[in-house]
Amino acid sequence: MSDPDDWDSAVLYGGERLPDIRDRVLVREPLKEKLLRSSPELTSREIGAGLSLLSSARPL
């Protein structure tokens, strides 16, 4: 699991520094597209209310 502070750049400031996803994370656009571009091994599933569930396609 990553430290919540690792997300500050991407979530609060629109930065390009993205943490590794070790489990699952719920995201909205445009963060979803940034994460999928930087980590093509992620899978994405729409869950409603504008949220997507991202997780690693390979076991960690």
PDB file of N, CA and C in Angstrom:
ATOM      1  N   MET A   1       0.842  -1.173   0.000  1.00  0.00           N
ATOM      2  CA  MET A   1       0.000   0.000   0.000  1.00  0.00           C
ATOM      3  C   MET A   1       0.890   1.240   0.000  1.00  0.00           C
ATOM      4  N   SER A   2       0.487   2.250  -0.739  1.00  0.00           N
ATOM      5  CA  SER A   2       1.290   3.462  -0.797  1.00  0.00           C
ATOM      6  C   SER A   2       0.864   4.441   0.291  1.00  0.00           C
ATOM      7  N   ASP A   3       1.735   5.365   0.589  1.00  0.00           N
ATOM      8  CA  ASP A   3       1.462   6.411   1.557  1.00  0.00           C
ATOM      9  C   ASP A   3       0.502   7.414   0.918  1.00  0.00           C
ATOM     10  N   PRO A   4      -0.510   7.876   1.629  1.00  0.00           N
ATOM     11  CA  PRO A   4      -1.437   8.850   1.045  1.00  0.00           C
ATOM     12  C   PRO A   4      -0.738  10.091   0.491  1.00  0.00           C
ATOM     13  N   ASP A   5       0.373  10.502   1.101  1.00  0.00           N
ATOM     14  CA  ASP A   5       1.110  11.668   0.603  1.00  0.00           C
ATOM     15  C   ASP A   5       1.679  11.440  -0.793  1.00  0.00           C
ATOM     16  N   ASP A   6       1.858  10.182  -1.195  1.00  0.00           N
ATOM     17  CA  ASP A   6       2.373   9.879  -2.527  1.00  0.00           C
ATOM     18  C   ASP A   6       1.426  10.349  -3.621  1.00  0.00           C
ATOM     19  N   TRP A   7       0.160  10.565  -3.284  1.00  0.00           N
ATOM     20  CA  TRP A   7      -0.860  10.965  -4.263  1.00  0.00           C
ATOM     21  C   TRP A   7      -0.993  12.477  -4.400  1.00  0.00           C
ATOM     22  N   ASP A   8      -0.338  13.248  -3.534  1.00  0.00           N
ATOM     23  CA  ASP A   8      -0.501  14.704  -3.552  1.00  0.00           C
ATOM     24  C   ASP A   8      -0.215  15.328  -4.912  1.00  0.00           C
ATOM     25  N   SER A   9       0.884  14.945  -5.536  1.00  0.00           N
ATOM     26  CA  SER A   9       1.255  15.532  -6.820  1.00  0.00           C
ATOM     27  C   SER A   9       0.154  15.366  -7.855  1.00  0.00           C
ATOM     28  N   ALA A  10      -0.345  14.158  -8.001  1.00  0.00           N
ATOM     29  CA  ALA A  10      -1.341  13.870  -9.041  1.00  0.00           C
ATOM     30  C   ALA A  10      -2.732  14.382  -8.690  1.00  0.00           C
ATOM     31  N   VAL A  11      -3.144  14.225  -7.443  1.00  0.00           N
ATOM     32  CA  VAL A  11      -4.524  14.552  -7.070  1.00  0.00           C
ATOM     33  C   VAL A  11      -4.703  16.034  -6.755  1.00  0.00           C
ATOM     34  N   LEU A  12      -3.797  16.595  -5.985  1.00  0.00           N
ATOM     35  CA  LEU A  12      -3.974  17.981  -5.552  1.00  0.00           C
ATOM     36  C   LEU A  12      -3.424  19.004  -6.532  1.00  0.00           C
ATOM     37  N   TYR A  13      -2.377  18.637  -7.261  1.00  0.00           N
ATOM     38  CA  TYR A  13      -1.698  19.631  -8.085  1.00  0.00           C
ATOM     39  C   TYR A  13      -1.680  19.298  -9.568  1.00  0.00           C
ATOM     40  N   GLY A  14      -2.316  18.203  -9.971  1.00  0.00           N
ATOM     41  CA  GLY A  14      -2.343  17.840 -11.386  1.00  0.00           C
ATOM     42  C   GLY A  14      -0.985  17.446 -11.932  1.00  0.00           C
ATOM     43  N   GLY A  15      -0.073  17.060 -11.050  1.00  0.00           N
ATOM     44  CA  GLY A  15       1.284  16.707 -11.451  1.00  0.00           C
ATOM     45  C   GLY A  15       1.359  15.363 -12.154  1.00  0.00           C
ATOM     46  N   GLU A  16       2.526  15.078 -12.683  1.00  0.00           N
ATOM     47  CA  GLU A  16       2.743  13.847 -13.437  1.00  0.00           C
ATOM     48  C   GLU A  16       3.351  12.732 -12.597  1.00  0.00           C
ATOM     49  N   ARG A  17       3.804  13.032 -11.368  1.00  0.00           N
ATOM     50  CA  ARG A  17       4.404  11.988 -10.528  1.00  0.00           C
ATOM     51  C   ARG A  17       3.283  11.128  -9.960  1.00  0.00           C
ATOM     52  N   LEU A  18       3.287   9.851 -10.332  1.00  0.00           N
ATOM     53  CA  LEU A  18       2.226   8.936  -9.928  1.00  0.00           C
ATOM     54  C   LEU A  18       2.797   7.789  -9.107  1.00  0.00           C
ATOM     55  N   PRO A  19       2.127   7.422  -8.025  1.00  0.00           N
ATOM     56  CA  PRO A  19       2.610   6.291  -7.220  1.00  0.00           C
ATOM     57  C   PRO A  19       2.285   4.966  -7.902  1.00  0.00           C
ATOM     58  N   ASP A  20       2.980   3.928  -7.490  1.00  0.00           N
ATOM     59  CA  ASP A  20       2.648   2.579  -7.948  1.00  0.00           C
ATOM     60  C   ASP A  20       1.333   2.159  -7.316  1.00  0.00           C
ATOM     61  N   ILE A  21       0.535   1.413  -8.074  1.00  0.00           N
ATOM     62  CA  ILE A  21      -0.705   0.876  -7.519  1.00  0.00           C
ATOM     63  C   ILE A  21      -0.436  -0.570  -7.127  1.00  0.00           C
ATOM     64  N   ARG A  22      -0.466  -0.838  -5.835  1.00  0.00           N
ATOM     65  CA  ARG A  22      -0.149  -2.167  -5.336  1.00  0.00           C
ATOM     66  C   ARG A  22      -1.405  -2.985  -5.038  1.00  0.00           C
ATOM     67  N   ASP A  23      -2.535  -2.331  -4.965  1.00  0.00           N
ATOM     68  CA  ASP A  23      -3.772  -3.031  -4.635  1.00  0.00           C
ATOM     69  C   ASP A  23      -4.836  -2.572  -5.612  1.00  0.00           C
ATOM     70  N   ARG A  24      -5.823  -1.872  -5.156  1.00  0.00           N
ATOM     71  CA  ARG A  24      -6.866  -1.303  -6.010  1.00  0.00           C
ATOM     72  C   ARG A  24      -7.082   0.140  -5.602  1.00  0.00           C
ATOM     73  N   VAL A  25      -7.514   0.943  -6.563  1.00  0.00           N
ATOM     74  CA  VAL A  25      -7.761   2.346  -6.267  1.00  0.00           C
ATOM     75  C   VAL A  25      -8.970   2.814  -7.071  1.00  0.00           C
ATOM     76  N   LEU A  26      -9.803   3.654  -6.442  1.00  0.00           N
ATOM     77  CA  LEU A  26     -10.947   4.262  -7.112  1.00  0.00           C
ATOM     78  C   LEU A  26     -10.523   5.643  -7.589  1.00  0.00           C
ATOM     79  N   VAL A  27     -10.763   5.946  -8.859  1.00  0.00           N
ATOM     80  CA  VAL A  27     -10.342   7.226  -9.419  1.00  0.00           C
ATOM     81  C   VAL A  27     -11.411   7.791 -10.347  1.00  0.00           C
ATOM     82  N   ARG A  28     -11.281   9.076 -10.623  1.00  0.00           N
ATOM     83  CA  ARG A  28     -12.089   9.780 -11.613  1.00  0.00           C
ATOM     84  C   ARG A  28     -11.149  10.287 -12.700  1.00  0.00           C
ATOM     85  N   GLU A  29     -11.742  10.705 -13.821  1.00  0.00           N
ATOM     86  CA  GLU A  29     -10.970  11.374 -14.859  1.00  0.00           C
ATOM     87  C   GLU A  29     -10.480  12.702 -14.302  1.00  0.00           C
ATOM     88  N   PRO A  30      -9.388  13.266 -14.687  1.00  0.00           N
ATOM     89  CA  PRO A  30      -8.418  12.792 -15.672  1.00  0.00           C
ATOM     90  C   PRO A  30      -7.342  11.889 -15.073  1.00  0.00           C
ATOM     91  N   LEU A  31      -7.408  11.671 -13.746  1.00  0.00           N
ATOM     92  CA  LEU A  31      -6.388  10.837 -13.098  1.00  0.00           C
ATOM     93  C   LEU A  31      -6.401   9.413 -13.653  1.00  0.00           C
ATOM     94  N   LYS A  32      -7.569   8.899 -13.980  1.00  0.00           N
ATOM     95  CA  LYS A  32      -7.664   7.544 -14.538  1.00  0.00           C
ATOM     96  C   LYS A  32      -6.816   7.412 -15.797  1.00  0.00           C
ATOM     97  N   GLU A  33      -6.959   8.341 -16.724  1.00  0.00           N
ATOM     98  CA  GLU A  33      -6.202   8.260 -17.981  1.00  0.00           C
ATOM     99  C   GLU A  33      -4.704   8.398 -17.745  1.00  0.00           C
ATOM    100  N   LYS A  34      -4.302   9.265 -16.822  1.00  0.00           N
ATOM    101  CA  LYS A  34      -2.875   9.414 -16.497  1.00  0.00           C
ATOM    102  C   LYS A  34      -2.307   8.092 -15.991  1.00  0.00           C
ATOM    103  N   LEU A  35      -3.037   7.452 -15.078  1.00  0.00           N
ATOM    104  CA  LEU A  35      -2.556   6.193 -14.503  1.00  0.00           C
ATOM    105  C   LEU A  35      -2.497   5.086 -15.554  1.00  0.00           C
ATOM    106  N   LEU A  36      -3.502   5.016 -16.423  1.00  0.00           N
ATOM    107  CA  LEU A  36      -3.500   3.980 -17.455  1.00  0.00           C
ATOM    108  C   LEU A  36      -2.379   4.207 -18.468  1.00  0.00           C
ATOM    109  N   ARG A  37      -2.078   5.461 -18.783  1.00  0.00           N
ATOM    110  CA  ARG A  37      -0.959   5.755 -19.703  1.00  0.00           C
ATOM    111  C   ARG A  37       0.382   5.376 -19.084  1.00  0.00           C
ATOM    112  N   SER A  38       0.543   5.673 -17.792  1.00  0.00           N
ATOM    113  CA  SER A  38       1.842   5.425 -17.151  1.00  0.00           C
ATOM    114  C   SER A  38       2.028   3.964 -16.741  1.00  0.00           C
ATOM    115  N   SER A  39       0.928   3.230 -16.565  1.00  0.00           N
ATOM    116  CA  SER A  39       1.000   1.828 -16.131  1.00  0.00           C
ATOM    117  C   SER A  39       0.051   0.981 -16.971  1.00  0.00           C
ATOM    118  N   PRO A  40       0.450   0.616 -18.186  1.00  0.00           N
ATOM    119  CA  PRO A  40      -0.451  -0.116 -19.078  1.00  0.00           C
ATOM    120  C   PRO A  40      -0.862  -1.500 -18.569  1.00  0.00           C
ATOM    121  N   GLU A  41      -0.222  -1.995 -17.533  1.00  0.00           N
ATOM    122  CA  GLU A  41      -0.591  -3.302 -16.990  1.00  0.00           C
ATOM    123  C   GLU A  41      -1.839  -3.234 -16.106  1.00  0.00           C
ATOM    124  N   LEU A  42      -2.339  -2.036 -15.847  1.00  0.00           N
ATOM    125  CA  LEU A  42      -3.530  -1.899 -15.008  1.00  0.00           C
ATOM    126  C   LEU A  42      -4.792  -2.276 -15.773  1.00  0.00           C
ATOM    127  N   THR A  43      -5.741  -2.800 -15.030  1.00  0.00           N
ATOM    128  CA  THR A  43      -7.070  -3.037 -15.595  1.00  0.00           C
ATOM    129  C   THR A  43      -8.002  -1.974 -15.035  1.00  0.00           C
ATOM    130  N   SER A  44      -9.028  -1.647 -15.802  1.00  0.00           N
ATOM    131  CA  SER A  44      -9.961  -0.612 -15.407  1.00  0.00           C
ATOM    132  C   SER A  44     -11.382  -1.143 -15.540  1.00  0.00           C
ATOM    133  N   ARG A  45     -12.194  -0.832 -14.526  1.00  0.00           N
ATOM    134  CA  ARG A  45     -13.600  -1.237 -14.565  1.00  0.00           C
ATOM    135  C   ARG A  45     -14.444  -0.072 -14.054  1.00  0.00           C
ATOM    136  N   GLU A  46     -15.397   0.368 -14.880  1.00  0.00           N
ATOM    137  CA  GLU A  46     -16.314   1.430 -14.482  1.00  0.00           C
ATOM    138  C   GLU A  46     -17.249   0.889 -13.399  1.00  0.00           C
ATOM    139  N   ILE A  47     -17.412   1.660 -12.304  1.00  0.00           N
ATOM    140  CA  ILE A  47     -18.296   1.185 -11.241  1.00  0.00           C
ATOM    141  C   ILE A  47     -19.478   2.119 -11.010  1.00  0.00           C
ATOM    142  N   GLY A  48     -19.554   3.198 -11.760  1.00  0.00           N
ATOM    143  CA  GLY A  48     -20.666   4.134 -11.636  1.00  0.00           C
ATOM    144  C   GLY A  48     -20.285   5.396 -10.901  1.00  0.00           C
ATOM    145  N   ALA A  49     -21.161   6.386 -10.987  1.00  0.00           N
ATOM    146  CA  ALA A  49     -20.964   7.691 -10.335  1.00  0.00           C
ATOM    147  C   ALA A  49     -19.662   8.355 -10.763  1.00  0.00           C
ATOM    148  N   GLY A  50     -19.217   8.057 -11.999  1.00  0.00           N
ATOM    149  CA  GLY A  50     -17.992   8.663 -12.510  1.00  0.00           C
ATOM    150  C   GLY A  50     -16.714   8.059 -11.976  1.00  0.00           C
ATOM    151  N   LEU A  51     -16.807   6.957 -11.248  1.00  0.00           N
ATOM    152  CA  LEU A  51     -15.633   6.310 -10.667  1.00  0.00           C
ATOM    153  C   LEU A  51     -15.242   5.065 -11.454  1.00  0.00           C
ATOM    154  N   SER A  52     -13.933   4.816 -11.481  1.00  0.00           N
ATOM    155  CA  SER A  52     -13.396   3.595 -12.082  1.00  0.00           C
ATOM    156  C   SER A  52     -12.520   2.904 -11.046  1.00  0.00           C
ATOM    157  N   LEU A  53     -12.539   1.593 -11.075  1.00  0.00           N
ATOM    158  CA  LEU A  53     -11.693   0.789 -10.200  1.00  0.00           C
ATOM    159  C   LEU A  53     -10.489   0.350 -11.021  1.00  0.00           C
ATOM    160  N   LEU A  54      -9.302   0.738 -10.579  1.00  0.00           N
ATOM    161  CA  LEU A  54      -8.061   0.324 -11.237  1.00  0.00           C
ATOM    162  C   LEU A  54      -7.367  -0.692 -10.349  1.00  0.00           C
ATOM    163  N   SER A  55      -6.826  -1.734 -10.968  1.00  0.00           N
ATOM    164  CA  SER A  55      -6.068  -2.722 -10.214  1.00  0.00           C
ATOM    165  C   SER A  55      -5.018  -3.323 -11.132  1.00  0.00           C
ATOM    166  N   SER A  56      -4.058  -3.973 -10.519  1.00  0.00           N
ATOM    167  CA  SER A  56      -2.980  -4.605 -11.273  1.00  0.00           C
ATOM    168  C   SER A  56      -3.519  -5.866 -11.954  1.00  0.00           C
ATOM    169  N   ALA A  57      -3.178  -6.037 -13.221  1.00  0.00           N
ATOM    170  CA  ALA A  57      -3.603  -7.224 -13.946  1.00  0.00           C
ATOM    171  C   ALA A  57      -2.783  -8.439 -13.546  1.00  0.00           C
ATOM    172  N   ARG A  58      -1.643  -8.205 -12.940  1.00  0.00           N
ATOM    173  CA  ARG A  58      -0.798  -9.325 -12.512  1.00  0.00           C
ATOM    174  C   ARG A  58      -0.722  -9.326 -10.987  1.00  0.00           C
ATOM    175  N   PRO A  59      -0.673 -10.494 -10.402  1.00  0.00           N
ATOM    176  CA  PRO A  59      -0.613 -10.574  -8.932  1.00  0.00           C
ATOM    177  C   PRO A  59       0.678  -9.985  -8.405  1.00  0.00           C
ATOM    178  N   LEU A  60       0.574  -9.307  -7.267  1.00  0.00           N
ATOM    179  CA  LEU A  60       1.766  -8.708  -6.647  1.00  0.00           C
ATOM    180  C   LEU A  60       2.211  -9.523  -5.457  1.00  0.00           C
TER     181      LEU A  60
END
